[in-house]
């Protein structure tokens, strides 16, 4: 059997079996046991791969926001960390000793154009796919010509908002008029640290301004940490 690391430590087999069985019933995407060929293939779907956690119990290939929510809820019930394999940037290795799930977002690649002309794209979709879908819809298109995925969209023009799942498994539709201005501010400061971005909403023609980042002040660390604790009380996302 092909492996991606050392064999699971003694006593971990039960956790792995339970994770595969229970998560398999909760998510639409594949759930792969660690240290197997299937897990290695799933991990390699992430263009930029962070180092897998040492106490990996499952690799989940999420197909959408629903799968992310289900994975986070299961993790909270079983004191398990969730390490997101971002389609755009590599994640640092886990710094805790808890069991962990690797969550791949490469399958979150659905792209649709609404009647209002706005594009709804999963973070795993390529910019090339966005251009094709927009062109097929008959809408004008000026989305960037580049090889990476829509996960890079917050730095592009025409972004209207994002779908963000915080560590408490709550889905937030973030935009400038979001009812929680603190969360909107935190996302714009450190988008990779405040939750799991699963989708982007942008203008089909890319004519609007780019999503402006919020520059944190030196004394904002405590403010940011308090907000992260509120939205991720079990520290599932590290």
Protein backbone atom coordinates (compact mmCIF):
# COMPACT_ATOMS: atom_id res chain seq x y z
CA UNK A 1 0.00 0.00 0.00
CA UNK A 2 1.35 3.46 -0.87
CA UNK A 3 1.69 5.71 2.14
CA UNK A 4 2.07 9.46 2.75
CA UNK A 5 3.88 9.12 6.06
CA UNK A 6 4.54 6.75 8.93
CA UNK A 7 1.91 4.24 9.92
CA UNK A 8 -0.69 5.55 12.37
CA UNK A 9 0.37 5.17 16.00
CA UNK A 10 -1.07 2.36 18.02
CA UNK A 11 -4.51 3.34 19.30
CA UNK A 12 -5.22 5.68 16.38
CA UNK A 13 -6.88 3.02 14.23
CA UNK A 14 -10.16 3.34 16.12
CA UNK A 15 -10.25 7.12 15.60
CA UNK A 16 -9.52 6.69 11.91
CA UNK A 17 -12.25 4.09 11.43
CA UNK A 18 -14.82 6.20 13.29
CA UNK A 19 -13.92 9.33 11.33
CA UNK A 20 -14.22 7.55 7.98
CA UNK A 21 -17.54 5.97 8.89
CA UNK A 22 -19.22 9.00 10.45
CA UNK A 23 -17.88 11.69 8.11
CA UNK A 24 -18.71 9.51 5.12
CA UNK A 25 -22.38 9.76 6.10
CA UNK A 26 -22.23 13.54 6.63
CA UNK A 27 -20.44 14.91 3.56
CA UNK A 28 -20.95 14.54 -0.18
CA UNK A 29 -17.25 14.55 -1.01
CA UNK A 30 -14.83 11.66 -0.50
CA UNK A 31 -13.49 10.82 2.95
CA UNK A 32 -10.12 9.10 2.76
CA UNK A 33 -8.31 7.34 5.61
CA UNK A 34 -4.78 8.68 6.12
CA UNK A 35 -1.64 6.88 5.00
CA UNK A 36 -3.35 5.45 1.91
CA UNK A 37 -3.12 6.00 -1.83
CA UNK A 38 -6.54 7.66 -1.84
CA UNK A 39 -5.48 10.16 0.81
CA UNK A 40 -2.26 10.97 -1.06
CA UNK A 41 -4.21 11.64 -4.26
CA UNK A 42 -6.68 13.88 -2.42
CA UNK A 43 -3.91 15.87 -0.77
CA UNK A 44 -2.17 16.36 -4.10
CA UNK A 45 -5.32 17.99 -5.54
CA UNK A 46 -4.34 21.11 -3.60
CA UNK A 47 -2.00 23.12 -5.87
CA UNK A 48 -0.06 24.38 -2.84
CA UNK A 49 0.19 21.68 -0.25
CA UNK A 50 0.97 22.36 3.37
CA UNK A 51 2.57 19.63 5.43
CA UNK A 52 -0.09 17.11 6.56
CA UNK A 53 -0.73 17.06 10.32
CA UNK A 54 1.10 14.36 12.26
CA UNK A 55 -2.11 12.96 13.85
CA UNK A 56 -4.23 12.86 10.72
CA UNK A 57 -7.49 10.90 11.07
CA UNK A 58 -9.12 11.69 7.71
CA UNK A 59 -8.79 13.66 4.48
CA UNK A 60 -12.10 15.22 3.42
CA UNK A 61 -12.59 16.42 -0.16
CA UNK A 62 -15.32 19.02 0.39
CA UNK A 63 -17.65 19.72 -2.53
CA UNK A 64 -19.20 22.89 -1.11
CA UNK A 65 -20.08 24.96 1.94
CA UNK A 66 -22.36 22.26 3.31
CA UNK A 67 -19.48 19.77 3.51
CA UNK A 68 -17.31 22.32 5.32
CA UNK A 69 -20.04 22.96 7.88
CA UNK A 70 -20.58 19.23 8.47
CA UNK A 71 -16.84 18.64 8.90
CA UNK A 72 -16.49 21.45 11.43
CA UNK A 73 -19.48 20.22 13.44
CA UNK A 74 -18.07 16.69 13.57
CA UNK A 75 -14.66 18.03 14.57
CA UNK A 76 -16.17 20.06 17.42
CA UNK A 77 -17.92 16.99 18.78
CA UNK A 78 -14.70 14.94 18.69
CA UNK A 79 -12.10 17.56 19.75
CA UNK A 80 -10.41 17.34 16.37
CA UNK A 81 -8.55 20.14 14.64
CA UNK A 82 -9.33 21.03 11.00
CA UNK A 83 -6.39 21.92 8.75
CA UNK A 84 -7.59 23.59 5.57
CA UNK A 85 -5.67 22.78 2.39
CA UNK A 86 -6.30 26.10 0.71
CA UNK A 87 -6.42 25.87 -3.11
CA UNK A 88 -4.30 29.03 -3.32
CA UNK A 89 -1.77 29.08 -0.49
CA UNK A 90 -0.01 26.44 1.56
CA UNK A 91 -1.01 26.16 5.20
CA UNK A 92 1.55 25.87 7.99
CA UNK A 93 1.79 22.53 9.80
CA UNK A 94 -0.47 22.01 12.79
CA UNK A 95 0.97 23.23 16.07
CA UNK A 96 -1.27 21.19 18.36
CA UNK A 97 -1.19 17.57 19.45
CA UNK A 98 -4.88 16.98 18.77
CA UNK A 99 -6.11 14.60 16.07
CA UNK A 100 -6.71 16.50 12.84
CA UNK A 101 -8.74 16.40 9.63
CA UNK A 102 -7.23 17.70 6.39
CA UNK A 103 -9.96 19.59 4.52
CA UNK A 104 -9.39 20.01 0.78
CA UNK A 105 -11.32 22.73 -1.08
CA UNK A 106 -10.19 21.87 -4.60
CA UNK A 107 -13.62 20.33 -5.39
CA UNK A 108 -15.45 23.51 -4.33
CA UNK A 109 -15.40 24.73 -7.94
CA UNK A 110 -19.00 25.45 -8.94
CA UNK A 111 -19.47 28.63 -11.02
CA UNK A 112 -22.84 30.23 -11.76
CA UNK A 113 -24.01 33.60 -13.11
CA UNK A 114 -27.14 35.03 -11.49
CA UNK A 115 -29.86 37.08 -13.13
CA UNK A 116 -28.24 40.15 -11.58
CA UNK A 117 -25.07 39.41 -13.53
CA UNK A 118 -23.04 38.55 -10.45
CA UNK A 119 -20.75 35.52 -10.56
CA UNK A 120 -20.84 33.03 -7.68
CA UNK A 121 -17.68 30.92 -7.75
CA UNK A 122 -16.30 28.29 -5.41
CA UNK A 123 -12.73 28.89 -4.26
CA UNK A 124 -11.48 25.79 -6.08
CA UNK A 125 -12.62 27.05 -9.51
CA UNK A 126 -9.99 28.26 -11.94
CA UNK A 127 -10.16 31.74 -13.43
CA UNK A 128 -10.30 30.06 -16.84
CA UNK A 129 -13.49 28.27 -15.83
CA UNK A 130 -14.99 31.54 -14.58
CA UNK A 131 -14.28 33.15 -17.93
CA UNK A 132 -15.87 30.25 -19.83
CA UNK A 133 -19.04 30.26 -17.71
CA UNK A 134 -19.42 34.04 -17.97
CA UNK A 135 -18.84 33.96 -21.73
CA UNK A 136 -21.42 31.18 -22.16
CA UNK A 137 -23.94 33.26 -20.20
CA UNK A 138 -23.62 36.11 -22.69
CA UNK A 139 -22.40 38.58 -20.08
CA UNK A 140 -19.36 40.79 -20.71
CA UNK A 141 -16.20 39.34 -19.21
CA UNK A 142 -12.92 40.89 -18.15
CA UNK A 143 -11.88 38.42 -15.45
CA UNK A 144 -8.11 38.00 -15.15
CA UNK A 145 -6.15 35.72 -17.45
CA UNK A 146 -4.05 33.79 -14.93
CA UNK A 147 -3.44 30.17 -14.00
CA UNK A 148 -4.46 30.17 -10.35
CA UNK A 149 -7.85 29.65 -8.74
CA UNK A 150 -10.66 31.90 -7.59
CA UNK A 151 -9.22 31.64 -4.06
CA UNK A 152 -7.07 34.60 -5.10
CA UNK A 153 -10.16 36.70 -5.89
CA UNK A 154 -10.13 38.99 -2.82
CA UNK A 155 -7.14 40.72 -4.40
CA UNK A 156 -8.89 41.10 -7.77
CA UNK A 157 -11.25 43.76 -9.05
CA UNK A 158 -15.01 43.48 -8.93
CA UNK A 159 -15.36 41.42 -5.72
CA UNK A 160 -18.73 42.00 -4.03
CA UNK A 161 -18.43 39.59 -1.12
CA UNK A 162 -17.45 36.14 0.12
CA UNK A 163 -18.99 33.11 1.78
CA UNK A 164 -17.11 32.40 5.01
CA UNK A 165 -17.59 29.50 7.45
CA UNK A 166 -16.23 30.30 10.89
CA UNK A 167 -14.92 27.66 13.30
CA UNK A 168 -18.29 27.44 15.05
CA UNK A 169 -19.74 26.09 11.74
CA UNK A 170 -21.76 29.26 11.09
CA UNK A 171 -22.01 30.45 7.46
CA UNK A 172 -21.53 34.19 6.91
CA UNK A 173 -22.21 36.07 3.69
CA UNK A 174 -19.64 38.83 4.07
CA UNK A 175 -19.79 42.15 2.27
CA UNK A 176 -19.43 45.81 3.14
CA UNK A 177 -22.95 45.91 4.61
CA UNK A 178 -22.46 42.75 6.68
CA UNK A 179 -24.30 43.00 10.04
CA UNK A 180 -21.10 42.07 11.91
CA UNK A 181 -18.60 44.81 10.98
CA UNK A 182 -15.98 43.28 13.30
CA UNK A 183 -15.97 40.01 11.34
CA UNK A 184 -15.80 41.90 8.04
CA UNK A 185 -12.82 43.87 9.36
CA UNK A 186 -11.09 40.70 10.60
CA UNK A 187 -11.59 38.94 7.27
CA UNK A 188 -10.03 41.83 5.39
CA UNK A 189 -7.05 41.84 7.81
CA UNK A 190 -6.30 38.12 7.87
CA UNK A 191 -8.71 36.13 5.67
CA UNK A 192 -6.89 32.84 6.20
CA UNK A 193 -7.13 33.07 10.01
CA UNK A 194 -10.75 33.99 10.65
CA UNK A 195 -12.55 31.11 8.92
CA UNK A 196 -12.86 28.98 5.78
CA UNK A 197 -13.68 30.91 2.61
CA UNK A 198 -15.74 28.68 0.33
CA UNK A 199 -17.08 31.09 -2.28
CA UNK A 200 -16.59 34.48 -3.91
CA UNK A 201 -19.17 36.84 -5.44
CA UNK A 202 -17.85 39.16 -8.12
CA UNK A 203 -18.94 41.29 -11.06
CA UNK A 204 -18.85 39.39 -14.32
CA UNK A 205 -16.98 42.18 -16.08
CA UNK A 206 -14.54 42.75 -13.22
CA UNK A 207 -15.22 46.47 -13.46
CA UNK A 208 -15.56 47.24 -9.76
CA UNK A 209 -12.77 48.11 -7.33
CA UNK A 210 -10.65 45.45 -5.70
CA UNK A 211 -11.54 44.31 -2.19
CA UNK A 212 -9.56 46.64 0.04
CA UNK A 213 -7.57 45.09 2.84
CA UNK A 214 -7.84 46.48 6.34
CA UNK A 215 -4.48 47.29 7.90
CA UNK A 216 -4.42 46.26 11.57
CA UNK A 217 -2.92 48.66 14.08
CA UNK A 218 -0.29 47.42 16.57
CA UNK A 219 -2.88 47.30 19.36
CA UNK A 220 -5.40 45.35 17.24
CA UNK A 221 -3.92 41.92 18.09
CA UNK A 222 -6.07 41.56 21.20
CA UNK A 223 -9.15 42.72 19.28
CA UNK A 224 -8.53 40.15 16.56
CA UNK A 225 -7.81 37.33 19.02
CA UNK A 226 -11.04 38.03 20.93
CA UNK A 227 -13.07 37.92 17.72
CA UNK A 228 -11.48 34.64 16.62
CA UNK A 229 -12.26 33.10 20.03
CA UNK A 230 -15.88 34.21 19.69
CA UNK A 231 -16.31 32.62 16.27
CA UNK A 232 -14.08 29.57 16.90
CA UNK A 233 -14.42 28.80 20.63
CA UNK A 234 -12.96 25.31 20.30
CA UNK A 235 -9.99 26.57 18.24
CA UNK A 236 -10.77 24.03 15.50
CA UNK A 237 -8.94 26.06 12.88
CA UNK A 238 -5.78 26.41 14.96
